Amino acid sequence: MVNSLHEGFYRTKPLWLNEQFGIEQFHFPEVTLQPPFTETIPAKMRLGHQMEFVFKDLIERSGAYEILLYNQPVLSGKQTIGEIDFILGNKETFQQIHVELTYKFYVIDSAISEPIHRLMGPNRRDMFFTKMEKIKNRQFQLLHSEEGKKVLFSKNIDPNCIHHLCCFKAQLFHHYLEEQSHIRPLNKACLSGFWIRFKDFESSAFRGYHYYMPKKWQWVIRPHKTVEWMSHFETLMEVNLRMINENSPMLWLKKNDGTIQKLFVVWW
């Protein structure tokens, strides 16, 4: 699991290049994935925390940055009002960088007129626009609040000298009937598969393939053949249970020629 997650995260492309929406992307340094990482990532840890663990490992392996602060809660009295993901120190320029880390899976709903609102989580609850606004208006600003400045000064970090960046990696999924998705200024290299509604997945067009329902951490990695594949009929029964609970699973679809695709079957 460890090395699959590290490679999956590292190979995932940034959702945009350079600066868009008033947010500048963190340029990930080159990292060698060999020798393998050995530290265990807790399997029960939610995926977002696993990605923080992986980011930390890769940054340390790169040698380009010193991690000055990691996963730091910010308190107001006894109440947690936010969390600072990472403060890095560039070993070459000595610049201090605040990096907000985000790793997302978004389906593209082209029925929505405004392109920036088309990206949403497969359960239609996690909206890209909302996340982007939160990063700009809450996460970045947290460091300049009285509580945030108190934390930083206690670590000998000057909040006035920090440069805000976002490491926003994503896998995007277009509708299965759409050959192309117009997602500018977003990065087309993030396109990773397609999404489909359950009633369409039931059709005969999908009966001749085999399927695997990956665990949540496996959503990150590249699909491979060494898993227990199910028939379309078996998969329908598993997926139907998810539909009842309004949960959209990812599947790996293996064609007869051996090629494998990722897809989401959505409940809505």
C-alpha atoms as a PDB file:
ATOM      1  CA  MET A   1       0.000   0.000   0.000  1.00  0.00           C
ATOM      2  CA  VAL A   2       2.725   2.467   1.015  1.00  0.00           C
ATOM      3  CA  ASN A   3       4.612   2.677  -2.259  1.00  0.00           C
ATOM      4  CA  SER A   4       1.461   2.455  -4.397  1.00  0.00           C
ATOM      5  CA  LEU A   5       0.072   5.524  -2.620  1.00  0.00           C
ATOM      6  CA  HIS A   6       3.312   7.453  -2.941  1.00  0.00           C
ATOM      7  CA  GLU A   7       3.536   6.751  -6.659  1.00  0.00           C
ATOM      8  CA  GLY A   8      -0.178   7.398  -7.214  1.00  0.00           C
ATOM      9  CA  PHE A   9       0.015  10.758  -5.469  1.00  0.00           C
ATOM     10  CA  TYR A  10       3.249  11.769  -7.183  1.00  0.00           C
ATOM     11  CA  ARG A  11       1.948  10.856 -10.667  1.00  0.00           C
ATOM     12  CA  THR A  12      -1.359  12.706 -10.203  1.00  0.00           C
ATOM     13  CA  LYS A  13      -1.279  16.036 -12.031  1.00  0.00           C
ATOM     14  CA  PRO A  14      -2.064  19.451 -10.526  1.00  0.00           C
ATOM     15  CA  LEU A  15      -5.589  20.675 -11.283  1.00  0.00           C
ATOM     16  CA  TRP A  16      -4.164  23.819 -12.871  1.00  0.00           C
ATOM     17  CA  LEU A  17      -0.724  25.127 -13.770  1.00  0.00           C
ATOM     18  CA  ASN A  18       0.954  28.201 -12.309  1.00  0.00           C
ATOM     19  CA  GLU A  19      -1.700  30.631 -10.992  1.00  0.00           C
ATOM     20  CA  GLN A  20      -5.450  30.513 -11.543  1.00  0.00           C
ATOM     21  CA  PHE A  21      -8.408  31.824  -9.519  1.00  0.00           C
ATOM     22  CA  GLY A  22      -5.986  33.872  -7.413  1.00  0.00           C
ATOM     23  CA  ILE A  23      -4.280  30.710  -6.134  1.00  0.00           C
ATOM     24  CA  GLU A  24      -0.740  29.739  -7.115  1.00  0.00           C
ATOM     25  CA  GLN A  25       0.124  26.059  -7.491  1.00  0.00           C
ATOM     26  CA  PHE A  26       3.015  24.541  -5.592  1.00  0.00           C
ATOM     27  CA  HIS A  27       5.577  23.238  -8.087  1.00  0.00           C
ATOM     28  CA  PHE A  28       6.343  19.749  -6.839  1.00  0.00           C
ATOM     29  CA  PRO A  29      10.062  18.955  -6.772  1.00  0.00           C
ATOM     30  CA  GLU A  30      11.451  15.915  -8.545  1.00  0.00           C
ATOM     31  CA  VAL A  31      11.452  12.868  -6.294  1.00  0.00           C
ATOM     32  CA  THR A  32      12.870   9.394  -6.807  1.00  0.00           C
ATOM     33  CA  LEU A  33      10.483   6.669  -5.636  1.00  0.00           C
ATOM     34  CA  GLN A  34      13.328   4.195  -5.114  1.00  0.00           C
ATOM     35  CA  PRO A  35      14.317   2.829  -2.681  1.00  0.00           C
ATOM     36  CA  PRO A  36      10.780   2.058  -1.495  1.00  0.00           C
ATOM     37  CA  PHE A  37       9.257   3.941   1.409  1.00  0.00           C
ATOM     38  CA  THR A  38       9.093   1.694   4.458  1.00  0.00           C
ATOM     39  CA  GLU A  39       6.990   3.532   7.031  1.00  0.00           C
ATOM     40  CA  THR A  40       3.466   2.149   7.384  1.00  0.00           C
ATOM     41  CA  ILE A  41       0.486   4.372   6.607  1.00  0.00           C
ATOM     42  CA  PRO A  42      -2.440   3.513   8.942  1.00  0.00           C
ATOM     43  CA  ALA A  43      -5.086   1.803   6.809  1.00  0.00           C
ATOM     44  CA  LYS A  44      -7.971   3.243   8.861  1.00  0.00           C
ATOM     45  CA  MET A  45      -6.747   6.817   8.408  1.00  0.00           C
ATOM     46  CA  ARG A  46      -9.037   8.812   6.115  1.00  0.00           C
ATOM     47  CA  LEU A  47      -7.680   9.418   2.632  1.00  0.00           C
ATOM     48  CA  GLY A  48      -6.995  13.127   3.153  1.00  0.00           C
ATOM     49  CA  HIS A  49      -4.735  12.378   6.117  1.00  0.00           C
ATOM     50  CA  GLN A  50      -3.022   9.594   4.168  1.00  0.00           C
ATOM     51  CA  MET A  51      -2.232  12.134   1.450  1.00  0.00           C
ATOM     52  CA  GLU A  52      -0.691  14.473   4.044  1.00  0.00           C
ATOM     53  CA  PHE A  53       1.466  11.576   5.222  1.00  0.00           C
ATOM     54  CA  VAL A  54       2.543  10.854   1.629  1.00  0.00           C
ATOM     55  CA  PHE A  55       3.233  14.536   0.835  1.00  0.00           C
ATOM     56  CA  LYS A  56       5.465  14.764   3.916  1.00  0.00           C
ATOM     57  CA  ASP A  57       7.397  11.631   2.883  1.00  0.00           C
ATOM     58  CA  LEU A  58       7.926  12.876  -0.670  1.00  0.00           C
ATOM     59  CA  ILE A  59       9.022  16.364   0.399  1.00  0.00           C
ATOM     60  CA  GLU A  60      11.528  14.877   2.832  1.00  0.00           C
ATOM     61  CA  ARG A  61      12.799  12.515   0.127  1.00  0.00           C
ATOM     62  CA  SER A  62      13.211  15.393  -2.359  1.00  0.00           C
ATOM     63  CA  GLY A  63      15.716  17.211  -0.160  1.00  0.00           C
ATOM     64  CA  ALA A  64      14.568  20.560  -1.583  1.00  0.00           C
ATOM     65  CA  TYR A  65      12.645  21.752   1.477  1.00  0.00           C
ATOM     66  CA  GLU A  66      12.793  21.684   5.239  1.00  0.00           C
ATOM     67  CA  ILE A  67       9.448  20.999   6.905  1.00  0.00           C
ATOM     68  CA  LEU A  68       9.073  23.791   9.451  1.00  0.00           C
ATOM     69  CA  LEU A  69       5.516  23.015  10.475  1.00  0.00           C
ATOM     70  CA  TYR A  70       3.144  20.145   9.702  1.00  0.00           C
ATOM     71  CA  ASN A  71      -0.545  19.575  10.412  1.00  0.00           C
ATOM     72  CA  GLN A  72      -0.637  22.340  13.014  1.00  0.00           C
ATOM     73  CA  PRO A  73      -3.986  23.089  14.719  1.00  0.00           C
ATOM     74  CA  VAL A  74      -4.840  26.726  15.431  1.00  0.00           C
ATOM     75  CA  LEU A  75      -6.793  27.309  18.625  1.00  0.00           C
ATOM     76  CA  SER A  76      -9.013  30.064  19.933  1.00  0.00           C
ATOM     77  CA  GLY A  77      -9.157  29.271  23.621  1.00  0.00           C
ATOM     78  CA  LYS A  78      -9.829  25.545  23.691  1.00  0.00           C
ATOM     79  CA  GLN A  79     -11.611  25.508  20.328  1.00  0.00           C
ATOM     80  CA  THR A  80      -9.824  24.500  17.126  1.00  0.00           C
ATOM     81  CA  ILE A  81     -10.594  27.118  14.470  1.00  0.00           C
ATOM     82  CA  GLY A  82      -8.430  25.679  11.704  1.00  0.00           C
ATOM     83  CA  GLU A  83      -5.328  23.789  10.750  1.00  0.00           C
ATOM     84  CA  ILE A  84      -2.154  24.725   8.881  1.00  0.00           C
ATOM     85  CA  ASP A  85      -1.140  21.904   6.551  1.00  0.00           C
ATOM     86  CA  PHE A  86       2.535  22.680   5.878  1.00  0.00           C
ATOM     87  CA  ILE A  87       5.093  25.445   6.252  1.00  0.00           C
ATOM     88  CA  LEU A  88       8.178  24.627   4.174  1.00  0.00           C
ATOM     89  CA  GLY A  89      11.555  26.291   4.026  1.00  0.00           C
ATOM     90  CA  ASN A  90      13.213  26.336   0.602  1.00  0.00           C
ATOM     91  CA  LYS A  91      16.778  25.164   1.231  1.00  0.00           C
ATOM     92  CA  GLU A  92      18.125  27.099  -1.756  1.00  0.00           C
ATOM     93  CA  THR A  93      16.308  30.445  -1.498  1.00  0.00           C
ATOM     94  CA  PHE A  94      15.427  30.260   2.237  1.00  0.00           C
ATOM     95  CA  GLN A  95      11.900  31.394   1.340  1.00  0.00           C
ATOM     96  CA  GLN A  96       9.190  30.182   3.713  1.00  0.00           C
ATOM     97  CA  ILE A  97       6.168  28.694   1.969  1.00  0.00           C
ATOM     98  CA  HIS A  98       2.712  27.869   3.275  1.00  0.00           C
ATOM     99  CA  VAL A  99       1.311  24.900   1.327  1.00  0.00           C
ATOM    100  CA  GLU A 100      -2.346  23.917   1.552  1.00  0.00           C
ATOM    101  CA  LEU A 101      -2.704  20.326   0.365  1.00  0.00           C
ATOM    102  CA  THR A 102      -5.795  19.103  -1.480  1.00  0.00           C
ATOM    103  CA  TYR A 103      -6.370  15.828  -3.339  1.00  0.00           C
ATOM    104  CA  LYS A 104      -9.760  15.448  -5.012  1.00  0.00           C
ATOM    105  CA  PHE A 105     -11.839  13.245  -7.284  1.00  0.00           C
ATOM    106  CA  TYR A 106     -14.275  15.303  -9.352  1.00  0.00           C
ATOM    107  CA  VAL A 107     -16.899  14.398 -11.913  1.00  0.00           C
ATOM    108  CA  ILE A 108     -17.573  16.984 -14.622  1.00  0.00           C
ATOM    109  CA  ASP A 109     -21.266  17.778 -15.062  1.00  0.00           C
ATOM    110  CA  SER A 110     -21.454  19.664 -18.347  1.00  0.00           C
ATOM    111  CA  ALA A 111     -25.199  20.237 -17.835  1.00  0.00           C
ATOM    112  CA  ILE A 112     -24.202  23.095 -15.514  1.00  0.00           C
ATOM    113  CA  SER A 113     -23.704  26.310 -17.474  1.00  0.00           C
ATOM    114  CA  GLU A 114     -20.827  27.862 -15.510  1.00  0.00           C
ATOM    115  CA  PRO A 115     -17.633  25.824 -16.097  1.00  0.00           C
ATOM    116  CA  ILE A 116     -16.199  26.584 -12.665  1.00  0.00           C
ATOM    117  CA  HIS A 117     -19.278  25.013 -11.031  1.00  0.00           C
ATOM    118  CA  ARG A 118     -19.163  21.818 -13.136  1.00  0.00           C
ATOM    119  CA  LEU A 119     -16.613  20.048 -10.957  1.00  0.00           C
ATOM    120  CA  MET A 120     -18.038  18.189  -7.981  1.00  0.00           C
ATOM    121  CA  GLY A 121     -17.381  15.085  -5.933  1.00  0.00           C
ATOM    122  CA  PRO A 122     -19.012  11.858  -7.169  1.00  0.00           C
ATOM    123  CA  ASN A 123     -21.677  12.156  -4.456  1.00  0.00           C
ATOM    124  CA  ARG A 124     -22.503  15.687  -5.678  1.00  0.00           C
ATOM    125  CA  ARG A 125     -21.661  17.271  -2.338  1.00  0.00           C
ATOM    126  CA  ASP A 126     -18.008  18.301  -2.582  1.00  0.00           C
ATOM    127  CA  MET A 127     -17.873  21.304  -4.929  1.00  0.00           C
ATOM    128  CA  PHE A 128     -14.628  22.596  -6.452  1.00  0.00           C
ATOM    129  CA  PHE A 129     -15.784  26.227  -6.336  1.00  0.00           C
ATOM    130  CA  THR A 130     -16.555  25.959  -2.615  1.00  0.00           C
ATOM    131  CA  LYS A 131     -13.180  24.370  -1.894  1.00  0.00           C
ATOM    132  CA  MET A 132     -11.338  27.013  -3.903  1.00  0.00           C
ATOM    133  CA  GLU A 133     -13.080  29.827  -2.018  1.00  0.00           C
ATOM    134  CA  LYS A 134     -12.298  28.147   1.304  1.00  0.00           C
ATOM    135  CA  ILE A 135      -8.589  27.944   0.458  1.00  0.00           C
ATOM    136  CA  LYS A 136      -8.398  31.630  -0.493  1.00  0.00           C
ATOM    137  CA  ASN A 137     -10.642  33.129   2.131  1.00  0.00           C
ATOM    138  CA  ARG A 138     -10.139  30.831   5.117  1.00  0.00           C
ATOM    139  CA  GLN A 139      -7.043  28.642   4.866  1.00  0.00           C
ATOM    140  CA  PHE A 140      -4.670  31.318   3.586  1.00  0.00           C
ATOM    141  CA  GLN A 141      -6.140  33.989   5.854  1.00  0.00           C
ATOM    142  CA  LEU A 142      -5.876  31.768   8.937  1.00  0.00           C
ATOM    143  CA  LEU A 143      -2.141  32.475   9.137  1.00  0.00           C
ATOM    144  CA  HIS A 144      -2.841  36.208   9.413  1.00  0.00           C
ATOM    145  CA  SER A 145      -5.447  35.905  12.159  1.00  0.00           C
ATOM    146  CA  GLU A 146      -4.351  36.754  15.698  1.00  0.00           C
ATOM    147  CA  GLU A 147      -4.524  33.072  16.634  1.00  0.00           C
ATOM    148  CA  GLY A 148      -2.587  32.007  13.529  1.00  0.00           C
ATOM    149  CA  LYS A 149       0.136  34.606  14.048  1.00  0.00           C
ATOM    150  CA  LYS A 150       0.518  33.489  17.653  1.00  0.00           C
ATOM    151  CA  VAL A 151       1.194  29.909  16.518  1.00  0.00           C
ATOM    152  CA  LEU A 152       3.683  30.988  13.852  1.00  0.00           C
ATOM    153  CA  PHE A 153       5.625  33.361  16.100  1.00  0.00           C
ATOM    154  CA  SER A 154       5.904  30.559  18.684  1.00  0.00           C
ATOM    155  CA  LYS A 155       7.674  28.518  15.979  1.00  0.00           C
ATOM    156  CA  ASN A 156       9.930  31.455  14.993  1.00  0.00           C
ATOM    157  CA  ILE A 157       8.042  31.896  11.701  1.00  0.00           C
ATOM    158  CA  ASP A 158       7.148  35.415  10.530  1.00  0.00           C
ATOM    159  CA  PRO A 159       3.647  35.351   8.942  1.00  0.00           C
ATOM    160  CA  ASN A 160       4.474  38.512   6.983  1.00  0.00           C
ATOM    161  CA  CYS A 161       7.257  36.710   5.089  1.00  0.00           C
ATOM    162  CA  ILE A 162       5.256  33.641   4.077  1.00  0.00           C
ATOM    163  CA  HIS A 163       4.312  32.917   0.456  1.00  0.00           C
ATOM    164  CA  HIS A 164       0.972  31.088   0.096  1.00  0.00           C
ATOM    165  CA  LEU A 165       0.754  28.153  -2.332  1.00  0.00           C
ATOM    166  CA  CYS A 166      -1.632  25.276  -2.895  1.00  0.00           C
ATOM    167  CA  CYS A 167      -0.765  21.718  -3.875  1.00  0.00           C
ATOM    168  CA  PHE A 168      -4.112  20.870  -5.500  1.00  0.00           C
ATOM    169  CA  LYS A 169      -3.992  17.501  -7.235  1.00  0.00           C
ATOM    170  CA  ALA A 170      -7.074  15.936  -8.789  1.00  0.00           C
ATOM    171  CA  GLN A 171      -8.472  13.131 -10.902  1.00  0.00           C
ATOM    172  CA  LEU A 172     -11.290  14.244 -13.205  1.00  0.00           C
ATOM    173  CA  PHE A 173     -14.036  12.101 -14.734  1.00  0.00           C
ATOM    174  CA  HIS A 174     -16.103  13.120 -17.770  1.00  0.00           C
ATOM    175  CA  HIS A 175     -19.573  11.816 -18.667  1.00  0.00           C
ATOM    176  CA  TYR A 176     -19.299   8.505 -20.499  1.00  0.00           C
ATOM    177  CA  LEU A 177     -21.008   9.851 -23.645  1.00  0.00           C
ATOM    178  CA  GLU A 178     -18.714  12.865 -23.935  1.00  0.00           C
ATOM    179  CA  GLU A 179     -15.478  12.343 -25.819  1.00  0.00           C
ATOM    180  CA  GLN A 180     -14.069  15.703 -24.784  1.00  0.00           C
ATOM    181  CA  SER A 181     -14.593  17.904 -21.768  1.00  0.00           C
ATOM    182  CA  HIS A 182     -13.984  21.639 -22.023  1.00  0.00           C
ATOM    183  CA  ILE A 183     -12.336  22.419 -18.704  1.00  0.00           C
ATOM    184  CA  ARG A 184     -10.054  25.365 -19.431  1.00  0.00           C
ATOM    185  CA  PRO A 185      -8.178  26.790 -17.596  1.00  0.00           C
ATOM    186  CA  LEU A 186      -7.937  23.480 -15.747  1.00  0.00           C
ATOM    187  CA  ASN A 187      -5.368  20.840 -16.612  1.00  0.00           C
ATOM    188  CA  LYS A 188      -6.599  18.241 -19.134  1.00  0.00           C
ATOM    189  CA  ALA A 189      -3.894  15.876 -17.914  1.00  0.00           C
ATOM    190  CA  CYS A 190      -6.081  15.352 -14.824  1.00  0.00           C
ATOM    191  CA  LEU A 191      -8.711  13.474 -16.873  1.00  0.00           C
ATOM    192  CA  SER A 192      -8.616   9.946 -15.472  1.00  0.00           C
ATOM    193  CA  GLY A 193     -11.820   8.191 -16.525  1.00  0.00           C
ATOM    194  CA  PHE A 194     -15.566   8.629 -16.895  1.00  0.00           C
ATOM    195  CA  TRP A 195     -18.750   8.663 -14.846  1.00  0.00           C
ATOM    196  CA  ILE A 196     -22.100   7.060 -15.551  1.00  0.00           C
ATOM    197  CA  ARG A 197     -25.535   6.847 -13.945  1.00  0.00           C
ATOM    198  CA  PHE A 198     -26.653   3.495 -12.576  1.00  0.00           C
ATOM    199  CA  LYS A 199     -29.501   3.081 -15.077  1.00  0.00           C
ATOM    200  CA  ASP A 200     -27.006   3.436 -17.940  1.00  0.00           C
ATOM    201  CA  PHE A 201     -24.490   1.111 -16.275  1.00  0.00           C
ATOM    202  CA  GLU A 202     -27.208  -1.570 -16.184  1.00  0.00           C
ATOM    203  CA  SER A 203     -27.405  -1.604 -19.996  1.00  0.00           C
ATOM    204  CA  SER A 204     -26.113  -4.400 -22.215  1.00  0.00           C
ATOM    205  CA  ALA A 205     -23.238  -2.193 -23.415  1.00  0.00           C
ATOM    206  CA  PHE A 206     -21.393  -2.885 -20.142  1.00  0.00           C
ATOM    207  CA  ARG A 207     -22.210  -6.588 -19.678  1.00  0.00           C
ATOM    208  CA  GLY A 208     -19.210  -7.992 -21.524  1.00  0.00           C
ATOM    209  CA  TYR A 209     -16.583  -6.513 -19.182  1.00  0.00           C
ATOM    210  CA  HIS A 210     -15.171  -7.421 -15.782  1.00  0.00           C
ATOM    211  CA  TYR A 211     -15.057  -5.100 -12.789  1.00  0.00           C
ATOM    212  CA  TYR A 212     -13.326  -4.457  -9.512  1.00  0.00           C
ATOM    213  CA  MET A 213     -14.524  -2.110  -6.763  1.00  0.00           C
ATOM    214  CA  PRO A 214     -11.348  -0.589  -5.291  1.00  0.00           C
ATOM    215  CA  LYS A 215     -10.922   0.403  -1.677  1.00  0.00           C
ATOM    216  CA  LYS A 216     -10.786   4.152  -1.073  1.00  0.00           C
ATOM    217  CA  TRP A 217      -6.972   4.289  -0.963  1.00  0.00           C
ATOM    218  CA  GLN A 218      -6.869   2.417  -4.294  1.00  0.00           C
ATOM    219  CA  TRP A 219      -8.760   5.275  -5.945  1.00  0.00           C
ATOM    220  CA  VAL A 220      -5.424   7.100  -6.027  1.00  0.00           C
ATOM    221  CA  ILE A 221      -3.372   4.442  -7.795  1.00  0.00           C
ATOM    222  CA  ARG A 222      -3.125   3.263 -11.383  1.00  0.00           C
ATOM    223  CA  PRO A 223      -5.445   0.262 -12.024  1.00  0.00           C
ATOM    224  CA  HIS A 224      -3.760  -3.120 -12.406  1.00  0.00           C
ATOM    225  CA  LYS A 225      -4.849  -6.657 -13.288  1.00  0.00           C
ATOM    226  CA  THR A 226      -3.896  -8.517 -10.100  1.00  0.00           C
ATOM    227  CA  VAL A 227      -7.230  -8.093  -8.300  1.00  0.00           C
ATOM    228  CA  GLU A 228     -10.347 -10.256  -7.959  1.00  0.00           C
ATOM    229  CA  TRP A 229     -12.530  -9.316 -10.916  1.00  0.00           C
ATOM    230  CA  MET A 230     -16.325  -9.619 -10.896  1.00  0.00           C
ATOM    231  CA  SER A 231     -18.831 -10.131 -13.668  1.00  0.00           C
ATOM    232  CA  HIS A 232     -21.205  -7.329 -14.613  1.00  0.00           C
ATOM    233  CA  PHE A 233     -24.044  -9.117 -12.801  1.00  0.00           C
ATOM    234  CA  GLU A 234     -22.029  -9.473  -9.586  1.00  0.00           C
ATOM    235  CA  THR A 235     -20.959  -5.857  -9.836  1.00  0.00           C
ATOM    236  CA  LEU A 236     -24.545  -4.645 -10.277  1.00  0.00           C
ATOM    237  CA  MET A 237     -25.514  -6.231  -6.966  1.00  0.00           C
ATOM    238  CA  GLU A 238     -22.595  -4.558  -5.167  1.00  0.00           C
ATOM    239  CA  VAL A 239     -23.213  -1.190  -6.808  1.00  0.00           C
ATOM    240  CA  ASN A 240     -26.951  -1.315  -6.124  1.00  0.00           C
ATOM    241  CA  LEU A 241     -26.257  -1.454  -2.387  1.00  0.00           C
ATOM    242  CA  ARG A 242     -24.201   1.720  -2.737  1.00  0.00           C
ATOM    243  CA  MET A 243     -26.979   3.409  -4.712  1.00  0.00           C
ATOM    244  CA  ILE A 244     -29.460   2.748  -1.899  1.00  0.00           C
ATOM    245  CA  ASN A 245     -27.103   4.535   0.496  1.00  0.00           C
ATOM    246  CA  GLU A 246     -26.527   7.420  -1.956  1.00  0.00           C
ATOM    247  CA  ASN A 247     -22.870   6.484  -2.298  1.00  0.00           C
ATOM    248  CA  SER A 248     -21.128   6.596  -5.693  1.00  0.00           C
ATOM    249  CA  PRO A 249     -18.418   3.915  -5.950  1.00  0.00           C
ATOM    250  CA  MET A 250     -15.375   3.904  -8.170  1.00  0.00           C
ATOM    251  CA  LEU A 251     -14.947   0.853 -10.387  1.00  0.00           C
ATOM    252  CA  TRP A 252     -12.130  -0.482 -12.494  1.00  0.00           C
ATOM    253  CA  LEU A 253     -13.423  -1.784 -15.821  1.00  0.00           C
ATOM    254  CA  LYS A 254     -11.346  -4.423 -17.614  1.00  0.00           C
ATOM    255  CA  LYS A 255     -12.019  -4.838 -21.326  1.00  0.00           C
ATOM    256  CA  ASN A 256     -11.459  -8.008 -23.316  1.00  0.00           C
ATOM    257  CA  ASP A 257      -8.203  -6.648 -24.744  1.00  0.00           C
ATOM    258  CA  GLY A 258      -6.846  -6.216 -21.199  1.00  0.00           C
ATOM    259  CA  THR A 259      -7.090  -2.426 -21.008  1.00  0.00           C
ATOM    260  CA  ILE A 260      -8.432  -1.033 -17.733  1.00  0.00           C
ATOM    261  CA  GLN A 261     -10.406   2.161 -17.146  1.00  0.00           C
ATOM    262  CA  LYS A 262     -11.553   3.982 -14.038  1.00  0.00           C
ATOM    263  CA  LEU A 263     -15.154   5.069 -13.666  1.00  0.00           C
ATOM    264  CA  PHE A 264     -17.658   6.271 -11.095  1.00  0.00           C
ATOM    265  CA  VAL A 265     -21.223   4.977 -11.013  1.00  0.00           C
ATOM    266  CA  VAL A 266     -23.231   7.847  -9.529  1.00  0.00           C
ATOM    267  CA  TRP A 267     -26.426   7.504  -7.540  1.00  0.00           C
ATOM    268  CA  TRP A 268     -28.031  10.812  -8.526  1.00  0.00           C
END
